[in-house]
C-alpha cells in the first residue's frame, strides 16, 4: 500500500492541513500511549515513528514503523476503541494530527480521501 501523501492531491493535503494540527516531536517523544483515547489520526509528514505494544512482564512488540507520508492507528479512529499500542518518534518527526471529527467529515465529503484511506 502506498503512503497516503503519495496518492492524494495537493488540494486534499491542504484541506487536511487546514482541518488538522501539525506538531513536531523530538526523538523518543511519545505521540500517544497504548490504551489512551484515540482522538486523532496521525500522518507522518517527515520523520519516523514506531508503534510498540507492551505486554505483561515488561516485554514489548514492535507493531510497525511508519515514515514520510504514511498514516497509522487508523482502526481506532473508525470504531472509537483506545489506541492498541504506543507511538514513539524515532527521530525528529513532524506529524499532522487529524482529529476524529475532521477525519469523519473528510470521509463523508471527499471520495478521494475515502478511497485513499481504505
N, C-alpha and C. Protein backbone atom coordinates (compact mmCIF):
# COMPACT_ATOMS: atom_id res chain seq x y z
N UNK A 1 0.84 -1.18 0.00
CA UNK A 1 0.00 0.00 0.00
C UNK A 1 0.89 1.25 0.00
N UNK A 2 0.61 2.17 -0.90
CA UNK A 2 1.39 3.40 -1.00
C UNK A 2 1.05 4.33 0.16
N UNK A 3 2.04 5.13 0.59
CA UNK A 3 1.76 6.12 1.64
C UNK A 3 0.65 7.09 1.21
N UNK A 4 -0.17 7.48 2.15
CA UNK A 4 -1.30 8.37 1.90
C UNK A 4 -0.90 9.61 1.10
N UNK A 5 0.19 10.24 1.50
CA UNK A 5 0.57 11.51 0.87
C UNK A 5 1.08 11.34 -0.56
N UNK A 6 1.34 10.09 -0.98
CA UNK A 6 1.75 9.84 -2.37
C UNK A 6 0.55 9.68 -3.30
N UNK A 7 -0.63 9.45 -2.73
CA UNK A 7 -1.80 9.15 -3.58
C UNK A 7 -2.88 10.23 -3.54
N UNK A 8 -2.69 11.28 -2.75
CA UNK A 8 -3.71 12.33 -2.67
C UNK A 8 -3.24 13.59 -3.39
N UNK A 9 -4.19 14.43 -3.76
CA UNK A 9 -3.89 15.68 -4.45
C UNK A 9 -3.36 16.73 -3.47
N UNK A 10 -2.71 17.74 -4.03
CA UNK A 10 -2.23 18.86 -3.21
C UNK A 10 -3.41 19.56 -2.54
N UNK A 11 -4.52 19.65 -3.25
CA UNK A 11 -5.71 20.30 -2.69
C UNK A 11 -6.23 19.56 -1.46
N UNK A 12 -6.28 18.24 -1.54
CA UNK A 12 -6.73 17.46 -0.38
C UNK A 12 -5.74 17.58 0.77
N UNK A 13 -4.46 17.57 0.48
CA UNK A 13 -3.46 17.75 1.53
C UNK A 13 -3.65 19.10 2.22
N UNK A 14 -3.87 20.16 1.46
CA UNK A 14 -4.11 21.48 2.06
C UNK A 14 -5.35 21.45 2.95
N UNK A 15 -6.40 20.80 2.49
CA UNK A 15 -7.64 20.68 3.26
C UNK A 15 -7.37 19.92 4.57
N UNK A 16 -6.59 18.85 4.49
CA UNK A 16 -6.25 18.09 5.69
C UNK A 16 -5.44 18.95 6.66
N UNK A 17 -4.48 19.71 6.14
CA UNK A 17 -3.64 20.55 6.99
C UNK A 17 -4.45 21.67 7.63
N UNK A 18 -5.42 22.20 6.90
CA UNK A 18 -6.29 23.24 7.47
C UNK A 18 -7.21 22.67 8.53
N UNK A 19 -7.61 21.42 8.37
CA UNK A 19 -8.52 20.77 9.32
C UNK A 19 -7.79 20.29 10.56
N UNK A 20 -6.56 19.84 10.39
CA UNK A 20 -5.81 19.25 11.49
C UNK A 20 -4.83 20.22 12.12
N UNK A 21 -3.89 19.64 12.83
CA UNK A 21 -2.85 20.42 13.52
C UNK A 21 -1.52 19.74 13.27
N UNK A 22 -0.51 20.51 12.94
CA UNK A 22 0.82 19.96 12.72
C UNK A 22 1.65 20.13 13.98
N UNK A 23 2.36 19.07 14.35
CA UNK A 23 3.18 19.11 15.56
C UNK A 23 4.48 18.38 15.30
N UNK A 24 5.56 18.90 15.86
CA UNK A 24 6.87 18.27 15.75
C UNK A 24 7.20 17.58 17.07
N UNK A 25 7.64 16.32 16.96
CA UNK A 25 8.01 15.52 18.12
C UNK A 25 9.51 15.27 18.09
N UNK A 26 10.13 15.31 19.25
CA UNK A 26 11.56 15.03 19.37
C UNK A 26 11.80 13.52 19.37
N UNK A 27 13.03 13.12 19.07
CA UNK A 27 13.39 11.70 19.13
C UNK A 27 13.06 11.15 20.51
N UNK A 28 12.36 10.02 20.55
CA UNK A 28 11.99 9.38 21.82
C UNK A 28 10.72 9.90 22.45
N UNK A 29 10.14 10.95 21.89
CA UNK A 29 8.92 11.54 22.46
C UNK A 29 7.69 10.69 22.10
N UNK A 30 6.83 10.51 23.08
CA UNK A 30 5.60 9.74 22.88
C UNK A 30 4.56 10.57 22.14
N UNK A 31 3.96 9.98 21.12
CA UNK A 31 2.92 10.64 20.33
C UNK A 31 1.56 10.32 20.92
N UNK A 32 1.35 9.06 21.26
CA UNK A 32 0.18 8.63 22.03
C UNK A 32 0.52 7.35 22.76
N UNK A 33 -0.28 7.03 23.79
CA UNK A 33 0.00 5.87 24.64
C UNK A 33 -1.01 4.75 24.43
N UNK A 34 -0.52 3.54 24.53
CA UNK A 34 -1.38 2.36 24.47
C UNK A 34 -2.49 2.50 25.51
N UNK A 35 -3.72 2.27 25.08
CA UNK A 35 -4.87 2.38 25.98
C UNK A 35 -5.47 3.76 26.06
N UNK A 36 -4.80 4.75 25.48
CA UNK A 36 -5.31 6.12 25.50
C UNK A 36 -6.44 6.30 24.50
N UNK A 37 -7.24 7.33 24.72
CA UNK A 37 -8.36 7.63 23.82
C UNK A 37 -7.83 8.01 22.44
N UNK A 38 -8.35 7.34 21.43
CA UNK A 38 -7.93 7.59 20.04
C UNK A 38 -8.70 8.78 19.50
N UNK A 39 -8.15 9.97 19.69
CA UNK A 39 -8.86 11.17 19.26
C UNK A 39 -8.30 11.80 18.00
N UNK A 40 -7.20 11.25 17.46
CA UNK A 40 -6.67 11.78 16.20
C UNK A 40 -6.01 10.68 15.38
N UNK A 41 -6.00 10.91 14.07
CA UNK A 41 -5.29 10.06 13.12
C UNK A 41 -3.95 10.75 12.83
N UNK A 42 -2.83 10.09 13.10
CA UNK A 42 -1.54 10.69 12.80
C UNK A 42 -1.08 10.37 11.37
N UNK A 43 -0.56 11.40 10.70
CA UNK A 43 0.02 11.24 9.37
C UNK A 43 1.44 11.80 9.45
N UNK A 44 2.43 10.97 9.12
CA UNK A 44 3.82 11.40 9.19
C UNK A 44 4.13 12.30 8.00
N UNK A 45 4.45 13.55 8.28
CA UNK A 45 4.85 14.49 7.22
C UNK A 45 6.35 14.38 6.96
N UNK A 46 7.12 14.16 8.01
CA UNK A 46 8.58 13.98 7.89
C UNK A 46 9.07 13.28 9.15
N UNK A 47 9.93 12.30 8.98
CA UNK A 47 10.48 11.60 10.13
C UNK A 47 10.09 10.13 10.16
N UNK A 48 10.18 9.55 11.37
CA UNK A 48 9.92 8.11 11.52
C UNK A 48 9.33 7.84 12.89
N UNK A 49 8.34 6.94 12.93
CA UNK A 49 7.61 6.60 14.16
C UNK A 49 7.56 5.08 14.30
N UNK A 50 7.70 4.60 15.54
CA UNK A 50 7.46 3.17 15.78
C UNK A 50 6.29 3.02 16.73
N UNK A 51 5.49 1.98 16.46
CA UNK A 51 4.38 1.64 17.35
C UNK A 51 4.77 0.39 18.11
N UNK A 52 4.64 0.46 19.44
CA UNK A 52 5.04 -0.63 20.32
C UNK A 52 3.84 -1.06 21.15
N UNK A 53 3.60 -2.38 21.18
CA UNK A 53 2.56 -2.93 22.06
C UNK A 53 3.27 -3.52 23.27
N UNK A 54 2.90 -3.05 24.46
CA UNK A 54 3.52 -3.53 25.68
C UNK A 54 2.75 -4.72 26.22
N UNK A 55 3.48 -5.78 26.53
CA UNK A 55 2.90 -6.99 27.12
C UNK A 55 3.21 -7.00 28.61
N UNK A 56 2.63 -7.95 29.31
CA UNK A 56 2.95 -8.07 30.73
C UNK A 56 4.42 -8.48 30.89
N UNK A 57 4.93 -8.34 32.05
CA UNK A 57 6.31 -8.71 32.40
C UNK A 57 7.35 -7.87 31.66
N UNK A 58 6.98 -6.64 31.28
CA UNK A 58 7.95 -5.72 30.70
C UNK A 58 8.37 -6.01 29.27
N UNK A 59 7.69 -6.93 28.61
CA UNK A 59 8.03 -7.24 27.22
C UNK A 59 7.27 -6.31 26.28
N UNK A 60 7.85 -6.10 25.11
CA UNK A 60 7.21 -5.24 24.12
C UNK A 60 7.37 -5.84 22.72
N UNK A 61 6.41 -5.52 21.87
CA UNK A 61 6.42 -5.99 20.48
C UNK A 61 6.28 -4.77 19.58
N UNK A 62 7.17 -4.65 18.61
CA UNK A 62 7.05 -3.55 17.65
C UNK A 62 5.98 -3.93 16.63
N UNK A 63 4.93 -3.12 16.57
CA UNK A 63 3.80 -3.36 15.67
C UNK A 63 4.11 -2.86 14.26
N UNK A 64 4.83 -1.77 14.17
CA UNK A 64 5.16 -1.22 12.87
C UNK A 64 6.03 0.00 12.96
N UNK A 65 6.66 0.32 11.84
CA UNK A 65 7.47 1.53 11.72
C UNK A 65 6.90 2.32 10.54
N UNK A 66 6.66 3.60 10.76
CA UNK A 66 5.98 4.45 9.78
C UNK A 66 6.86 5.65 9.45
N UNK A 67 6.88 6.01 8.15
CA UNK A 67 7.75 7.08 7.66
C UNK A 67 6.96 8.10 6.86
N UNK A 68 7.69 8.99 6.22
CA UNK A 68 7.12 10.10 5.46
C UNK A 68 5.90 9.67 4.63
N UNK A 69 4.81 10.39 4.83
CA UNK A 69 3.61 10.18 4.03
C UNK A 69 2.66 9.12 4.53
N UNK A 70 3.06 8.35 5.53
CA UNK A 70 2.22 7.25 6.00
C UNK A 70 1.33 7.68 7.16
N UNK A 71 0.13 7.09 7.19
CA UNK A 71 -0.76 7.26 8.33
C UNK A 71 -0.72 5.96 9.12
N UNK A 72 -1.09 6.04 10.39
CA UNK A 72 -1.11 4.84 11.21
C UNK A 72 -2.17 4.99 12.30
N UNK A 73 -2.47 3.87 12.96
CA UNK A 73 -3.51 3.84 14.01
C UNK A 73 -4.88 4.22 13.44
N UNK A 74 -5.19 3.68 12.27
CA UNK A 74 -6.46 4.00 11.61
C UNK A 74 -7.67 3.33 12.27
N UNK A 75 -7.63 2.02 12.58
CA UNK A 75 -8.85 1.37 13.12
C UNK A 75 -9.47 2.05 14.33
N UNK A 76 -8.71 2.51 15.32
CA UNK A 76 -9.36 3.14 16.48
C UNK A 76 -10.12 4.42 16.13
N UNK A 77 -9.71 5.12 15.07
CA UNK A 77 -10.42 6.33 14.67
C UNK A 77 -11.80 5.98 14.13
N UNK A 78 -11.88 4.84 13.45
CA UNK A 78 -13.18 4.39 12.93
C UNK A 78 -14.12 3.94 14.05
N UNK A 79 -13.61 3.10 14.95
CA UNK A 79 -14.51 2.47 15.92
C UNK A 79 -14.48 3.07 17.32
N UNK A 80 -13.63 4.05 17.56
CA UNK A 80 -13.59 4.70 18.86
C UNK A 80 -12.90 3.90 19.95
N UNK A 81 -12.26 2.78 19.58
CA UNK A 81 -11.52 1.98 20.56
C UNK A 81 -10.25 2.73 20.97
N UNK A 82 -9.66 2.37 22.11
CA UNK A 82 -8.41 3.02 22.51
C UNK A 82 -7.26 2.62 21.57
N UNK A 83 -6.20 3.42 21.61
CA UNK A 83 -5.02 3.08 20.82
C UNK A 83 -4.50 1.71 21.29
N UNK A 84 -4.19 0.80 20.36
CA UNK A 84 -3.75 -0.55 20.72
C UNK A 84 -2.27 -0.63 21.07
N UNK A 85 -1.55 0.46 20.86
CA UNK A 85 -0.10 0.47 21.08
C UNK A 85 0.34 1.90 21.37
N UNK A 86 1.60 2.03 21.75
CA UNK A 86 2.20 3.34 22.00
C UNK A 86 3.01 3.74 20.77
N UNK A 87 2.90 5.00 20.36
CA UNK A 87 3.66 5.51 19.22
C UNK A 87 4.75 6.44 19.73
N UNK A 88 5.97 6.22 19.26
CA UNK A 88 7.13 6.99 19.70
C UNK A 88 7.92 7.46 18.49
N UNK A 89 8.30 8.73 18.49
CA UNK A 89 9.13 9.27 17.41
C UNK A 89 10.53 8.65 17.49
N UNK A 90 11.02 8.14 16.38
CA UNK A 90 12.35 7.53 16.33
C UNK A 90 13.43 8.55 16.02
N UNK A 91 13.01 9.71 15.55
CA UNK A 91 13.88 10.83 15.23
C UNK A 91 12.99 12.06 15.26
N UNK A 92 13.54 13.23 15.04
CA UNK A 92 12.69 14.42 14.97
C UNK A 92 11.65 14.17 13.89
N UNK A 93 10.37 14.29 14.26
CA UNK A 93 9.28 13.88 13.38
C UNK A 93 8.16 14.92 13.38
N UNK A 94 7.72 15.27 12.18
CA UNK A 94 6.61 16.22 12.02
C UNK A 94 5.37 15.42 11.64
N UNK A 95 4.30 15.60 12.41
CA UNK A 95 3.08 14.82 12.22
C UNK A 95 1.88 15.73 12.07
N UNK A 96 1.01 15.37 11.12
CA UNK A 96 -0.29 16.01 11.00
C UNK A 96 -1.25 15.22 11.88
N UNK A 97 -1.85 15.89 12.85
CA UNK A 97 -2.84 15.27 13.74
C UNK A 97 -4.21 15.63 13.19
N UNK A 98 -4.89 14.64 12.64
CA UNK A 98 -6.22 14.85 12.07
C UNK A 98 -7.23 14.32 13.07
N UNK A 99 -7.89 15.22 13.77
CA UNK A 99 -8.80 14.83 14.84
C UNK A 99 -10.01 14.08 14.30
N UNK A 100 -10.55 13.20 15.13
CA UNK A 100 -11.60 12.25 14.72
C UNK A 100 -12.75 12.93 13.98
N UNK A 101 -13.29 14.02 14.51
CA UNK A 101 -14.43 14.66 13.87
C UNK A 101 -14.06 15.18 12.48
N UNK A 102 -12.84 15.67 12.31
CA UNK A 102 -12.39 16.15 10.99
C UNK A 102 -12.12 14.97 10.05
N UNK A 103 -11.57 13.89 10.60
CA UNK A 103 -11.35 12.67 9.82
C UNK A 103 -12.68 12.15 9.26
N UNK A 104 -13.69 12.06 10.13
CA UNK A 104 -15.00 11.56 9.70
C UNK A 104 -15.67 12.51 8.70
N UNK A 105 -15.49 13.81 8.90
CA UNK A 105 -16.04 14.79 7.96
C UNK A 105 -15.40 14.63 6.58
N UNK A 106 -14.08 14.49 6.55
CA UNK A 106 -13.39 14.31 5.27
C UNK A 106 -13.81 13.02 4.58
N UNK A 107 -14.02 11.96 5.35
CA UNK A 107 -14.52 10.71 4.76
C UNK A 107 -15.85 10.94 4.07
N UNK A 108 -16.71 11.70 4.72
CA UNK A 108 -18.05 11.97 4.20
C UNK A 108 -18.01 12.91 2.98
N UNK A 109 -17.15 13.91 3.03
CA UNK A 109 -17.13 14.95 1.99
C UNK A 109 -16.24 14.65 0.79
N UNK A 110 -15.23 13.81 0.98
CA UNK A 110 -14.23 13.63 -0.07
C UNK A 110 -14.09 12.16 -0.46
N UNK A 111 -14.53 11.83 -1.65
CA UNK A 111 -14.36 10.46 -2.13
C UNK A 111 -12.87 10.15 -2.33
N UNK A 112 -12.09 11.17 -2.68
CA UNK A 112 -10.64 10.98 -2.83
C UNK A 112 -10.03 10.55 -1.50
N UNK A 113 -10.41 11.23 -0.43
CA UNK A 113 -9.89 10.89 0.90
C UNK A 113 -10.36 9.49 1.30
N UNK A 114 -11.64 9.21 1.11
CA UNK A 114 -12.20 7.90 1.48
C UNK A 114 -11.46 6.78 0.76
N UNK A 115 -11.24 6.94 -0.53
CA UNK A 115 -10.56 5.91 -1.31
C UNK A 115 -9.11 5.75 -0.84
N UNK A 116 -8.44 6.85 -0.53
CA UNK A 116 -7.04 6.79 -0.09
C UNK A 116 -6.89 6.10 1.26
N UNK A 117 -7.86 6.31 2.15
CA UNK A 117 -7.79 5.73 3.49
C UNK A 117 -8.09 4.23 3.45
N UNK A 118 -9.03 3.86 2.60
CA UNK A 118 -9.44 2.45 2.53
C UNK A 118 -8.51 1.72 1.59
